[in-house]
Structure formats: C-alpha cells, structure tokens
Amino acid sequence: MSAEWDAGDLGCGDLVLELRLRLDALPPGCILKLIARDSGARADIPAWCRLTGHTLVAEEHPVYRIRRKEN
C-alpha cells in the first residue's frame, strides 16, 4: 500500500505535525510519497525520520518517500 500527500509550501513545524498524523494513519511498512516545497524540508525531513524511526527511502527535493516504521 502507498499514499501521497502534497504539502505544498507548508512550513516545517506544521509540516512535521501533519506528517506524523498521516503516517500514523497508515499501516506499518506503507510508503508515503511526500511533496514538500518548503526549502527547510531538505534538512528537516531526513532529521525528522531519524528522530522518529521512519525510513527515508528516497529524497529528491521536493519529493520524499518515507516508509512507516513497524509498531
């Protein structure tokens, strides 16, 4: 299963809060394709994944693919 979310220019504070909710709603192992145009996303998305345990599968700004962690 996979999902997609276009976060547009959403700033990083709001972006990671919404990202958490969206990933929590997905089953473990699911891939979320995130489109985040905010310039801070280049640093913030990889750091957020490291902190939360989700896997950043691919990144090519503005597109990020994140695998939801196992419970």
Protein backbone atom coordinates (compact mmCIF):
# COMPACT_ATOMS: atom_id res chain seq x y z
CA MET A 1 0.00 0.00 0.00
CA SER A 2 1.15 3.53 -0.66
CA ALA A 3 -0.18 7.03 -0.14
CA GLU A 4 0.66 10.50 -1.40
CA TRP A 5 0.48 13.93 0.19
CA ASP A 6 1.29 17.24 -1.46
CA ALA A 7 2.18 19.53 1.44
CA GLY A 8 2.89 22.44 -0.90
CA ASP A 9 4.80 25.26 0.81
CA LEU A 10 3.74 24.26 4.33
CA GLY A 11 6.39 25.35 6.83
CA CYS A 12 8.29 22.72 8.71
CA GLY A 13 6.62 22.98 12.13
CA ASP A 14 3.17 22.42 10.66
CA LEU A 15 4.58 20.02 8.08
CA VAL A 16 6.00 17.53 10.58
CA LEU A 17 2.88 17.66 12.77
CA GLU A 18 0.66 16.81 9.82
CA LEU A 19 3.20 14.28 8.54
CA ARG A 20 3.05 12.43 11.85
CA LEU A 21 -0.74 12.23 11.70
CA ARG A 22 -0.70 11.00 8.12
CA LEU A 23 1.93 8.32 8.77
CA ASP A 24 0.16 7.17 11.95
CA ALA A 25 -2.98 6.58 9.85
CA LEU A 26 -1.11 4.21 7.51
CA PRO A 27 -0.29 0.56 8.15
CA PRO A 28 3.32 -0.29 9.11
CA GLY A 29 5.62 -0.65 6.11
CA CYS A 30 3.48 1.59 3.90
CA ILE A 31 5.27 4.17 1.76
CA LEU A 32 4.15 7.80 1.82
CA LYS A 33 5.16 9.95 -1.13
CA LEU A 34 5.52 13.44 0.30
CA ILE A 35 5.84 16.54 -1.84
CA ALA A 36 7.23 19.37 0.30
CA ARG A 37 8.38 22.54 -1.45
CA ASP A 38 9.49 24.41 1.68
CA SER A 39 13.25 24.98 1.43
CA GLY A 40 13.75 23.76 5.01
CA ALA A 41 12.39 20.33 4.10
CA ARG A 42 15.79 19.33 2.66
CA ALA A 43 17.24 19.22 6.17
CA ASP A 44 14.10 18.78 8.27
CA ILE A 45 12.56 15.68 6.65
CA PRO A 46 15.70 13.47 6.95
CA ALA A 47 16.25 14.66 10.54
CA TRP A 48 12.62 14.01 11.46
CA CYS A 49 12.82 10.50 10.01
CA ARG A 50 15.96 9.75 12.05
CA LEU A 51 14.29 11.02 15.24
CA THR A 52 11.02 9.14 14.74
CA GLY A 53 12.31 5.83 13.36
CA HIS A 54 10.58 6.11 9.99
CA THR A 55 12.74 5.27 6.97
CA LEU A 56 13.52 7.88 4.34
CA VAL A 57 13.56 5.62 1.28
CA ALA A 58 14.29 8.30 -1.31
CA GLU A 59 14.70 12.05 -1.46
CA GLU A 60 14.94 14.35 -4.41
CA HIS A 61 13.59 17.70 -3.27
CA PRO A 62 10.67 18.35 -3.33
CA VAL A 63 9.75 14.63 -3.41
CA TYR A 64 10.41 12.39 -0.40
CA ARG A 65 9.41 8.76 0.04
CA ILE A 66 9.01 7.67 3.66
CA ARG A 67 8.33 4.13 4.88
CA ARG A 68 6.20 3.98 8.00
CA LYS A 69 8.02 2.20 10.81
CA GLU A 70 6.83 -1.06 12.27
CA ASN A 71 5.00 -0.63 15.56
